[in-house]
Amino acid sequence: MTCTCRKEITEKLLARFKEQSPEATGHTVSLSGYTLVFGGNTLAEKGYMPIAATASFPLKKGGFKEKKKPQNMVFTYCPFCGVKYDQEKNHDAN
């Protein structure tokens, strides 16, 4: 990931947190929701969002049972600047 959105937003959140809690020490902020994606011979960091999928499945005995199937949706675009992850190098050159 070559855009600097994650870094910039983390810095802004940290500054705001320090303003809100000046009496505290050791302030840290981290953005979760990023993962490493393997593709071919490359390794890329992309944003993702957890999805809570729930449905009622039929039982052999009759009736239904609700099951949760957690999934992750990986973004193809930076959720902050909108640049397509595959085009980031071209975007930075402009």
PDB file of N, CA and C in Angstrom:
ATOM      1  N   MET A   1       0.850  -1.166   0.000  1.00  0.00           N
ATOM      2  CA  MET A   1       0.000   0.000   0.000  1.00  0.00           C
ATOM      3  C   MET A   1       0.895   1.228   0.000  1.00  0.00           C
ATOM      4  N   THR A   2       0.796   2.024  -1.032  1.00  0.00           N
ATOM      5  CA  THR A   2       1.692   3.169  -1.143  1.00  0.00           C
ATOM      6  C   THR A   2       1.037   4.496  -0.774  1.00  0.00           C
ATOM      7  N   CYS A   3      -0.286   4.580  -0.720  1.00  0.00           N
ATOM      8  CA  CYS A   3      -0.885   5.846  -0.287  1.00  0.00           C
ATOM      9  C   CYS A   3      -0.588   6.025   1.204  1.00  0.00           C
ATOM     10  N   THR A   4      -0.645   7.238   1.669  1.00  0.00           N
ATOM     11  CA  THR A   4      -0.273   7.524   3.060  1.00  0.00           C
ATOM     12  C   THR A   4      -1.493   7.767   3.953  1.00  0.00           C
ATOM     13  N   CYS A   5      -2.665   7.383   3.488  1.00  0.00           N
ATOM     14  CA  CYS A   5      -3.897   7.635   4.235  1.00  0.00           C
ATOM     15  C   CYS A   5      -3.865   7.040   5.644  1.00  0.00           C
ATOM     16  N   ARG A   6      -3.458   5.796   5.746  1.00  0.00           N
ATOM     17  CA  ARG A   6      -3.452   5.128   7.058  1.00  0.00           C
ATOM     18  C   ARG A   6      -2.559   5.889   8.028  1.00  0.00           C
ATOM     19  N   LYS A   7      -1.357   6.243   7.592  1.00  0.00           N
ATOM     20  CA  LYS A   7      -0.410   6.964   8.440  1.00  0.00           C
ATOM     21  C   LYS A   7      -0.963   8.328   8.837  1.00  0.00           C
ATOM     22  N   GLU A   8      -1.475   9.079   7.857  1.00  0.00           N
ATOM     23  CA  GLU A   8      -1.988  10.422   8.123  1.00  0.00           C
ATOM     24  C   GLU A   8      -3.172  10.396   9.094  1.00  0.00           C
ATOM     25  N   ILE A   9      -4.085   9.481   8.895  1.00  0.00           N
ATOM     26  CA  ILE A   9      -5.266   9.409   9.761  1.00  0.00           C
ATOM     27  C   ILE A   9      -4.877   8.963  11.161  1.00  0.00           C
ATOM     28  N   THR A  10      -3.944   8.028  11.272  1.00  0.00           N
ATOM     29  CA  THR A  10      -3.474   7.582  12.585  1.00  0.00           C
ATOM     30  C   THR A  10      -2.850   8.749  13.336  1.00  0.00           C
ATOM     31  N   GLU A  11      -2.042   9.558  12.642  1.00  0.00           N
ATOM     32  CA  GLU A  11      -1.417  10.721  13.278  1.00  0.00           C
ATOM     33  C   GLU A  11      -2.470  11.723  13.754  1.00  0.00           C
ATOM     34  N   LYS A  12      -3.493  11.970  12.937  1.00  0.00           N
ATOM     35  CA  LYS A  12      -4.560  12.904  13.327  1.00  0.00           C
ATOM     36  C   LYS A  12      -5.356  12.376  14.514  1.00  0.00           C
ATOM     37  N   LEU A  13      -5.649  11.072  14.506  1.00  0.00           N
ATOM     38  CA  LEU A  13      -6.389  10.478  15.632  1.00  0.00           C
ATOM     39  C   LEU A  13      -5.577  10.541  16.917  1.00  0.00           C
ATOM     40  N   LEU A  14      -4.274  10.306  16.811  1.00  0.00           N
ATOM     41  CA  LEU A  14      -3.408  10.372  17.981  1.00  0.00           C
ATOM     42  C   LEU A  14      -3.355  11.792  18.540  1.00  0.00           C
ATOM     43  N   ALA A  15      -3.223  12.769  17.663  1.00  0.00           N
ATOM     44  CA  ALA A  15      -3.196  14.165  18.113  1.00  0.00           C
ATOM     45  C   ALA A  15      -4.503  14.532  18.813  1.00  0.00           C
ATOM     46  N   ARG A  16      -5.618  14.109  18.253  1.00  0.00           N
ATOM     47  CA  ARG A  16      -6.924  14.398  18.857  1.00  0.00           C
ATOM     48  C   ARG A  16      -7.077  13.700  20.207  1.00  0.00           C
ATOM     49  N   PHE A  17      -6.617  12.454  20.292  1.00  0.00           N
ATOM     50  CA  PHE A  17      -6.681  11.703  21.546  1.00  0.00           C
ATOM     51  C   PHE A  17      -5.855  12.400  22.624  1.00  0.00           C
ATOM     52  N   LYS A  18      -4.680  12.911  22.246  1.00  0.00           N
ATOM     53  CA  LYS A  18      -3.839  13.628  23.209  1.00  0.00           C
ATOM     54  C   LYS A  18      -4.514  14.917  23.674  1.00  0.00           C
ATOM     55  N   GLU A  19      -5.215  15.612  22.763  1.00  0.00           N
ATOM     56  CA  GLU A  19      -5.958  16.821  23.130  1.00  0.00           C
ATOM     57  C   GLU A  19      -7.079  16.493  24.117  1.00  0.00           C
ATOM     58  N   GLN A  20      -7.762  15.388  23.875  1.00  0.00           N
ATOM     59  CA  GLN A  20      -8.900  14.998  24.709  1.00  0.00           C
ATOM     60  C   GLN A  20      -8.475  14.479  26.077  1.00  0.00           C
ATOM     61  N   SER A  21      -7.254  13.930  26.171  1.00  0.00           N
ATOM     62  CA  SER A  21      -6.778  13.335  27.428  1.00  0.00           C
ATOM     63  C   SER A  21      -5.377  13.835  27.760  1.00  0.00           C
ATOM     64  N   PRO A  22      -5.239  15.141  28.031  1.00  0.00           N
ATOM     65  CA  PRO A  22      -3.898  15.683  28.281  1.00  0.00           C
ATOM     66  C   PRO A  22      -3.271  15.182  29.581  1.00  0.00           C
ATOM     67  N   GLU A  23      -4.073  14.727  30.521  1.00  0.00           N
ATOM     68  CA  GLU A  23      -3.544  14.249  31.797  1.00  0.00           C
ATOM     69  C   GLU A  23      -2.938  12.853  31.698  1.00  0.00           C
ATOM     70  N   ALA A  24      -3.227  12.155  30.614  1.00  0.00           N
ATOM     71  CA  ALA A  24      -2.720  10.792  30.427  1.00  0.00           C
ATOM     72  C   ALA A  24      -1.345  10.819  29.766  1.00  0.00           C
ATOM     73  N   THR A  25      -0.643   9.688  29.845  1.00  0.00           N
ATOM     74  CA  THR A  25       0.654   9.547  29.181  1.00  0.00           C
ATOM     75  C   THR A  25       0.666   8.262  28.362  1.00  0.00           C
ATOM     76  N   GLY A  26       1.597   8.166  27.445  1.00  0.00           N
ATOM     77  CA  GLY A  26       1.753   6.956  26.653  1.00  0.00           C
ATOM     78  C   GLY A  26       0.624   6.724  25.663  1.00  0.00           C
ATOM     79  N   HIS A  27       0.107   7.791  25.101  1.00  0.00           N
ATOM     80  CA  HIS A  27      -0.991   7.687  24.136  1.00  0.00           C
ATOM     81  C   HIS A  27      -0.568   6.870  22.916  1.00  0.00           C
ATOM     82  N   THR A  28      -1.411   5.961  22.481  1.00  0.00           N
ATOM     83  CA  THR A  28      -1.199   5.239  21.228  1.00  0.00           C
ATOM     84  C   THR A  28      -2.537   5.057  20.525  1.00  0.00           C
ATOM     85  N   VAL A  29      -2.474   5.029  19.222  1.00  0.00           N
ATOM     86  CA  VAL A  29      -3.667   4.805  18.397  1.00  0.00           C
ATOM     87  C   VAL A  29      -3.250   3.901  17.251  1.00  0.00           C
ATOM     88  N   SER A  30      -4.092   2.931  16.921  1.00  0.00           N
ATOM     89  CA  SER A  30      -3.811   2.105  15.746  1.00  0.00           C
ATOM     90  C   SER A  30      -5.120   1.827  15.021  1.00  0.00           C
ATOM     91  N   LEU A  31      -5.039   1.843  13.711  1.00  0.00           N
ATOM     92  CA  LEU A  31      -6.202   1.515  12.892  1.00  0.00           C
ATOM     93  C   LEU A  31      -6.196   0.014  12.636  1.00  0.00           C
ATOM     94  N   SER A  32      -7.247  -0.654  13.025  1.00  0.00           N
ATOM     95  CA  SER A  32      -7.368  -2.067  12.691  1.00  0.00           C
ATOM     96  C   SER A  32      -8.100  -2.160  11.361  1.00  0.00           C
ATOM     97  N   GLY A  33      -8.249  -3.348  10.855  1.00  0.00           N
ATOM     98  CA  GLY A  33      -8.947  -3.493   9.586  1.00  0.00           C
ATOM     99  C   GLY A  33      -8.016  -3.474   8.393  1.00  0.00           C
ATOM    100  N   TYR A  34      -6.782  -3.893   8.576  1.00  0.00           N
ATOM    101  CA  TYR A  34      -5.833  -4.037   7.477  1.00  0.00           C
ATOM    102  C   TYR A  34      -5.292  -5.456   7.510  1.00  0.00           C
ATOM    103  N   THR A  35      -5.054  -6.011   6.322  1.00  0.00           N
ATOM    104  CA  THR A  35      -4.566  -7.373   6.217  1.00  0.00           C
ATOM    105  C   THR A  35      -3.541  -7.469   5.099  1.00  0.00           C
ATOM    106  N   LEU A  36      -2.729  -8.511   5.155  1.00  0.00           N
ATOM    107  CA  LEU A  36      -1.788  -8.782   4.087  1.00  0.00           C
ATOM    108  C   LEU A  36      -2.444  -9.737   3.105  1.00  0.00           C
ATOM    109  N   VAL A  37      -2.356  -9.420   1.818  1.00  0.00           N
ATOM    110  CA  VAL A  37      -2.980 -10.222   0.773  1.00  0.00           C
ATOM    111  C   VAL A  37      -1.875 -10.741  -0.147  1.00  0.00           C
ATOM    112  N   PHE A  38      -1.842 -12.057  -0.315  1.00  0.00           N
ATOM    113  CA  PHE A  38      -0.872 -12.690  -1.206  1.00  0.00           C
ATOM    114  C   PHE A  38      -1.504 -12.846  -2.579  1.00  0.00           C
ATOM    115  N   GLY A  39      -0.791 -12.455  -3.619  1.00  0.00           N
ATOM    116  CA  GLY A  39      -1.291 -12.600  -4.984  1.00  0.00           C
ATOM    117  C   GLY A  39      -0.136 -12.781  -5.947  1.00  0.00           C
ATOM    118  N   GLY A  40      -0.026 -13.984  -6.533  1.00  0.00           N
ATOM    119  CA  GLY A  40       1.100 -14.250  -7.422  1.00  0.00           C
ATOM    120  C   GLY A  40       2.390 -14.192  -6.641  1.00  0.00           C
ATOM    121  N   ASN A  41       3.281 -13.323  -7.054  1.00  0.00           N
ATOM    122  CA  ASN A  41       4.562 -13.159  -6.358  1.00  0.00           C
ATOM    123  C   ASN A  41       4.595 -11.884  -5.526  1.00  0.00           C
ATOM    124  N   THR A  42       3.430 -11.326  -5.238  1.00  0.00           N
ATOM    125  CA  THR A  42       3.400 -10.059  -4.504  1.00  0.00           C
ATOM    126  C   THR A  42       2.695 -10.206  -3.162  1.00  0.00           C
ATOM    127  N   LEU A  43       3.031  -9.308  -2.281  1.00  0.00           N
ATOM    128  CA  LEU A  43       2.401  -9.217  -0.969  1.00  0.00           C
ATOM    129  C   LEU A  43       1.942  -7.777  -0.816  1.00  0.00           C
ATOM    130  N   ALA A  44       0.651  -7.570  -0.581  1.00  0.00           N
ATOM    131  CA  ALA A  44       0.115  -6.213  -0.480  1.00  0.00           C
ATOM    132  C   ALA A  44      -0.707  -6.062   0.793  1.00  0.00           C
ATOM    133  N   GLU A  45      -0.686  -4.872   1.349  1.00  0.00           N
ATOM    134  CA  GLU A  45      -1.519  -4.563   2.514  1.00  0.00           C
ATOM    135  C   GLU A  45      -2.763  -3.865   2.012  1.00  0.00           C
ATOM    136  N   LYS A  46      -3.936  -4.374   2.397  1.00  0.00           N
ATOM    137  CA  LYS A  46      -5.207  -3.791   1.973  1.00  0.00           C
ATOM    138  C   LYS A  46      -6.139  -3.672   3.169  1.00  0.00           C
ATOM    139  N   GLY A  47      -7.051  -2.727   3.074  1.00  0.00           N
ATOM    140  CA  GLY A  47      -8.060  -2.565   4.100  1.00  0.00           C
ATOM    141  C   GLY A  47      -9.135  -3.632   3.966  1.00  0.00           C
ATOM    142  N   TYR A  48      -9.739  -3.969   5.090  1.00  0.00           N
ATOM    143  CA  TYR A  48     -10.854  -4.918   5.071  1.00  0.00           C
ATOM    144  C   TYR A  48     -11.867  -4.555   6.143  1.00  0.00           C
ATOM    145  N   MET A  49     -13.056  -5.115   5.999  1.00  0.00           N
ATOM    146  CA  MET A  49     -14.117  -4.905   6.972  1.00  0.00           C
ATOM    147  C   MET A  49     -14.742  -6.255   7.310  1.00  0.00           C
ATOM    148  N   PRO A  50     -14.854  -6.578   8.603  1.00  0.00           N
ATOM    149  CA  PRO A  50     -15.516  -7.821   8.979  1.00  0.00           C
ATOM    150  C   PRO A  50     -17.008  -7.769   8.635  1.00  0.00           C
ATOM    151  N   ILE A  51     -17.543  -8.895   8.224  1.00  0.00           N
ATOM    152  CA  ILE A  51     -18.962  -9.012   7.899  1.00  0.00           C
ATOM    153  C   ILE A  51     -19.579 -10.051   8.822  1.00  0.00           C
ATOM    154  N   ALA A  52     -20.718  -9.741   9.393  1.00  0.00           N
ATOM    155  CA  ALA A  52     -21.451 -10.686  10.227  1.00  0.00           C
ATOM    156  C   ALA A  52     -22.623 -11.226   9.407  1.00  0.00           C
ATOM    157  N   ALA A  53     -22.455 -12.411   8.849  1.00  0.00           N
ATOM    158  CA  ALA A  53     -23.505 -13.033   8.037  1.00  0.00           C
ATOM    159  C   ALA A  53     -24.230 -14.076   8.881  1.00  0.00           C
ATOM    160  N   THR A  54     -25.554 -13.984   8.929  1.00  0.00           N
ATOM    161  CA  THR A  54     -26.370 -14.896   9.736  1.00  0.00           C
ATOM    162  C   THR A  54     -27.530 -15.398   8.898  1.00  0.00           C
ATOM    163  N   ALA A  55     -27.822 -16.706   9.035  1.00  0.00           N
ATOM    164  CA  ALA A  55     -28.954 -17.296   8.316  1.00  0.00           C
ATOM    165  C   ALA A  55     -29.487 -18.476   9.113  1.00  0.00           C
ATOM    166  N   SER A  56     -30.753 -18.827   8.871  1.00  0.00           N
ATOM    167  CA  SER A  56     -31.366 -19.996   9.504  1.00  0.00           C
ATOM    168  C   SER A  56     -31.268 -21.179   8.547  1.00  0.00           C
ATOM    169  N   PHE A  57     -30.588 -22.222   8.985  1.00  0.00           N
ATOM    170  CA  PHE A  57     -30.390 -23.410   8.164  1.00  0.00           C
ATOM    171  C   PHE A  57     -31.318 -24.525   8.641  1.00  0.00           C
ATOM    172  N   PRO A  58     -31.869 -25.318   7.706  1.00  0.00           N
ATOM    173  CA  PRO A  58     -32.765 -26.402   8.096  1.00  0.00           C
ATOM    174  C   PRO A  58     -31.999 -27.528   8.793  1.00  0.00           C
ATOM    175  N   LEU A  59     -32.640 -28.117   9.799  1.00  0.00           N
ATOM    176  CA  LEU A  59     -32.080 -29.260  10.522  1.00  0.00           C
ATOM    177  C   LEU A  59     -32.662 -30.550   9.958  1.00  0.00           C
ATOM    178  N   LYS A  60     -31.916 -31.647  10.052  1.00  0.00           N
ATOM    179  CA  LYS A  60     -32.409 -32.944   9.566  1.00  0.00           C
ATOM    180  C   LYS A  60     -33.647 -33.378  10.345  1.00  0.00           C
ATOM    181  N   LYS A  61     -33.717 -33.028  11.614  1.00  0.00           N
ATOM    182  CA  LYS A  61     -34.852 -33.401  12.473  1.00  0.00           C
ATOM    183  C   LYS A  61     -36.062 -32.505  12.242  1.00  0.00           C
ATOM    184  N   GLY A  62     -35.900 -31.500  11.449  1.00  0.00           N
ATOM    185  CA  GLY A  62     -36.953 -30.514  11.256  1.00  0.00           C
ATOM    186  C   GLY A  62     -36.623 -29.245  12.012  1.00  0.00           C
ATOM    187  N   GLY A  63     -37.199 -28.202  11.615  1.00  0.00           N
ATOM    188  CA  GLY A  63     -36.937 -26.917  12.247  1.00  0.00           C
ATOM    189  C   GLY A  63     -35.710 -26.249  11.639  1.00  0.00           C
ATOM    190  N   PHE A  64     -35.302 -25.175  12.261  1.00  0.00           N
ATOM    191  CA  PHE A  64     -34.179 -24.410  11.752  1.00  0.00           C
ATOM    192  C   PHE A  64     -33.247 -24.029  12.892  1.00  0.00           C
ATOM    193  N   LYS A  65     -31.999 -23.812  12.551  1.00  0.00           N
ATOM    194  CA  LYS A  65     -31.024 -23.338  13.525  1.00  0.00           C
ATOM    195  C   LYS A  65     -30.269 -22.174  12.893  1.00  0.00           C
ATOM    196  N   GLU A  66     -30.179 -21.092  13.629  1.00  0.00           N
ATOM    197  CA  GLU A  66     -29.459 -19.918  13.144  1.00  0.00           C
ATOM    198  C   GLU A  66     -27.966 -20.155  13.273  1.00  0.00           C
ATOM    199  N   LYS A  67     -27.238 -19.893  12.200  1.00  0.00           N
ATOM    200  CA  LYS A  67     -25.785 -20.027  12.198  1.00  0.00           C
ATOM    201  C   LYS A  67     -25.169 -18.713  11.751  1.00  0.00           C
ATOM    202  N   LYS A  68     -24.049 -18.396  12.389  1.00  0.00           N
ATOM    203  CA  LYS A  68     -23.292 -17.203  12.026  1.00  0.00           C
ATOM    204  C   LYS A  68     -22.088 -17.641  11.213  1.00  0.00           C
ATOM    205  N   LYS A  69     -21.860 -16.959  10.105  1.00  0.00           N
ATOM    206  CA  LYS A  69     -20.714 -17.249   9.245  1.00  0.00           C
ATOM    207  C   LYS A  69     -19.911 -15.959   9.066  1.00  0.00           C
ATOM    208  N   PRO A  70     -18.940 -15.738   9.961  1.00  0.00           N
ATOM    209  CA  PRO A  70     -18.140 -14.514   9.838  1.00  0.00           C
ATOM    210  C   PRO A  70     -17.292 -14.553   8.569  1.00  0.00           C
ATOM    211  N   GLN A  71     -17.199 -13.407   7.923  1.00  0.00           N
ATOM    212  CA  GLN A  71     -16.425 -13.275   6.697  1.00  0.00           C
ATOM    213  C   GLN A  71     -15.719 -11.926   6.723  1.00  0.00           C
ATOM    214  N   ASN A  72     -14.817 -11.738   5.783  1.00  0.00           N
ATOM    215  CA  ASN A  72     -14.138 -10.455   5.636  1.00  0.00           C
ATOM    216  C   ASN A  72     -14.290  -9.969   4.206  1.00  0.00           C
ATOM    217  N   MET A  73     -14.561  -8.691   4.066  1.00  0.00           N
ATOM    218  CA  MET A  73     -14.636  -8.059   2.760  1.00  0.00           C
ATOM    219  C   MET A  73     -13.354  -7.237   2.589  1.00  0.00           C
ATOM    220  N   VAL A  74     -12.522  -7.613   1.604  1.00  0.00           N
ATOM    221  CA  VAL A  74     -11.272  -6.903   1.351  1.00  0.00           C
ATOM    222  C   VAL A  74     -11.551  -5.817   0.321  1.00  0.00           C
ATOM    223  N   PHE A  75     -11.103  -4.611   0.611  1.00  0.00           N
ATOM    224  CA  PHE A  75     -11.330  -3.474  -0.274  1.00  0.00           C
ATOM    225  C   PHE A  75     -10.407  -3.528  -1.482  1.00  0.00           C
ATOM    226  N   THR A  76     -10.897  -3.111  -2.628  1.00  0.00           N
ATOM    227  CA  THR A  76     -10.054  -2.962  -3.816  1.00  0.00           C
ATOM    228  C   THR A  76      -9.633  -1.504  -3.975  1.00  0.00           C
ATOM    229  N   TYR A  77     -10.256  -0.616  -3.208  1.00  0.00           N
ATOM    230  CA  TYR A  77      -9.921   0.804  -3.207  1.00  0.00           C
ATOM    231  C   TYR A  77      -9.607   1.228  -1.780  1.00  0.00           C
ATOM    232  N   CYS A  78      -8.727   2.193  -1.616  1.00  0.00           N
ATOM    233  CA  CYS A  78      -8.460   2.749  -0.296  1.00  0.00           C
ATOM    234  C   CYS A  78      -9.761   3.372   0.209  1.00  0.00           C
ATOM    235  N   PRO A  79     -10.224   3.009   1.416  1.00  0.00           N
ATOM    236  CA  PRO A  79     -11.496   3.552   1.903  1.00  0.00           C
ATOM    237  C   PRO A  79     -11.436   5.047   2.245  1.00  0.00           C
ATOM    238  N   PHE A  80     -10.241   5.633   2.254  1.00  0.00           N
ATOM    239  CA  PHE A  80     -10.105   7.036   2.607  1.00  0.00           C
ATOM    240  C   PHE A  80      -9.907   7.948   1.401  1.00  0.00           C
ATOM    241  N   CYS A  81      -9.001   7.577   0.483  1.00  0.00           N
ATOM    242  CA  CYS A  81      -8.728   8.460  -0.659  1.00  0.00           C
ATOM    243  C   CYS A  81      -9.372   7.968  -1.955  1.00  0.00           C
ATOM    244  N   GLY A  82      -9.846   6.735  -1.973  1.00  0.00           N
ATOM    245  CA  GLY A  82     -10.540   6.215  -3.141  1.00  0.00           C
ATOM    246  C   GLY A  82      -9.656   5.726  -4.270  1.00  0.00           C
ATOM    247  N   VAL A  83      -8.353   5.693  -4.061  1.00  0.00           N
ATOM    248  CA  VAL A  83      -7.443   5.219  -5.098  1.00  0.00           C
ATOM    249  C   VAL A  83      -7.474   3.696  -5.126  1.00  0.00           C
ATOM    250  N   LYS A  84      -7.558   3.137  -6.325  1.00  0.00           N
ATOM    251  CA  LYS A  84      -7.552   1.691  -6.465  1.00  0.00           C
ATOM    252  C   LYS A  84      -6.187   1.171  -6.026  1.00  0.00           C
ATOM    253  N   TYR A  85      -6.172   0.135  -5.196  1.00  0.00           N
ATOM    254  CA  TYR A  85      -4.912  -0.376  -4.667  1.00  0.00           C
ATOM    255  C   TYR A  85      -3.928  -0.734  -5.764  1.00  0.00           C
ATOM    256  N   ASP A  86      -4.363  -1.306  -6.872  1.00  0.00           N
ATOM    257  CA  ASP A  86      -3.470  -1.693  -7.951  1.00  0.00           C
ATOM    258  C   ASP A  86      -2.916  -0.488  -8.705  1.00  0.00           C
ATOM    259  N   GLN A  87      -3.546   0.686  -8.557  1.00  0.00           N
ATOM    260  CA  GLN A  87      -3.119   1.870  -9.289  1.00  0.00           C
ATOM    261  C   GLN A  87      -2.395   2.884  -8.418  1.00  0.00           C
ATOM    262  N   GLU A  88      -2.078   2.511  -7.185  1.00  0.00           N
ATOM    263  CA  GLU A  88      -1.476   3.479  -6.262  1.00  0.00           C
ATOM    264  C   GLU A  88      -0.168   4.041  -6.771  1.00  0.00           C
ATOM    265  N   LYS A  89       0.678   3.218  -7.363  1.00  0.00           N
ATOM    266  CA  LYS A  89       1.962   3.708  -7.850  1.00  0.00           C
ATOM    267  C   LYS A  89       1.772   4.751  -8.933  1.00  0.00           C
ATOM    268  N   ASN A  90       0.787   4.536  -9.821  1.00  0.00           N
ATOM    269  CA  ASN A  90       0.488   5.511 -10.865  1.00  0.00           C
ATOM    270  C   ASN A  90      -0.055   6.801 -10.266  1.00  0.00           C
ATOM    271  N   HIS A  91      -0.877   6.694  -9.199  1.00  0.00           N
ATOM    272  CA  HIS A  91      -1.467   7.858  -8.553  1.00  0.00           C
ATOM    273  C   HIS A  91      -0.386   8.714  -7.900  1.00  0.00           C
ATOM    274  N   ASP A  92       0.586   8.068  -7.230  1.00  0.00           N
ATOM    275  CA  ASP A  92       1.636   8.816  -6.541  1.00  0.00           C
ATOM    276  C   ASP A  92       2.559   9.535  -7.514  1.00  0.00           C
ATOM    277  N   ALA A  93       2.691   9.012  -8.714  1.00  0.00           N
ATOM    278  CA  ALA A  93       3.581   9.640  -9.696  1.00  0.00           C
ATOM    279  C   ALA A  93       2.994  10.924 -10.250  1.00  0.00           C
ATOM    280  N   ASN A  94       1.672  11.105 -10.157  1.00  0.00           N
ATOM    281  CA  ASN A  94       1.018  12.307 -10.707  1.00  0.00           C
ATOM    282  C   ASN A  94       1.111  13.477  -9.771  1.00  0.00           C
TER     283      ASN A  94
END
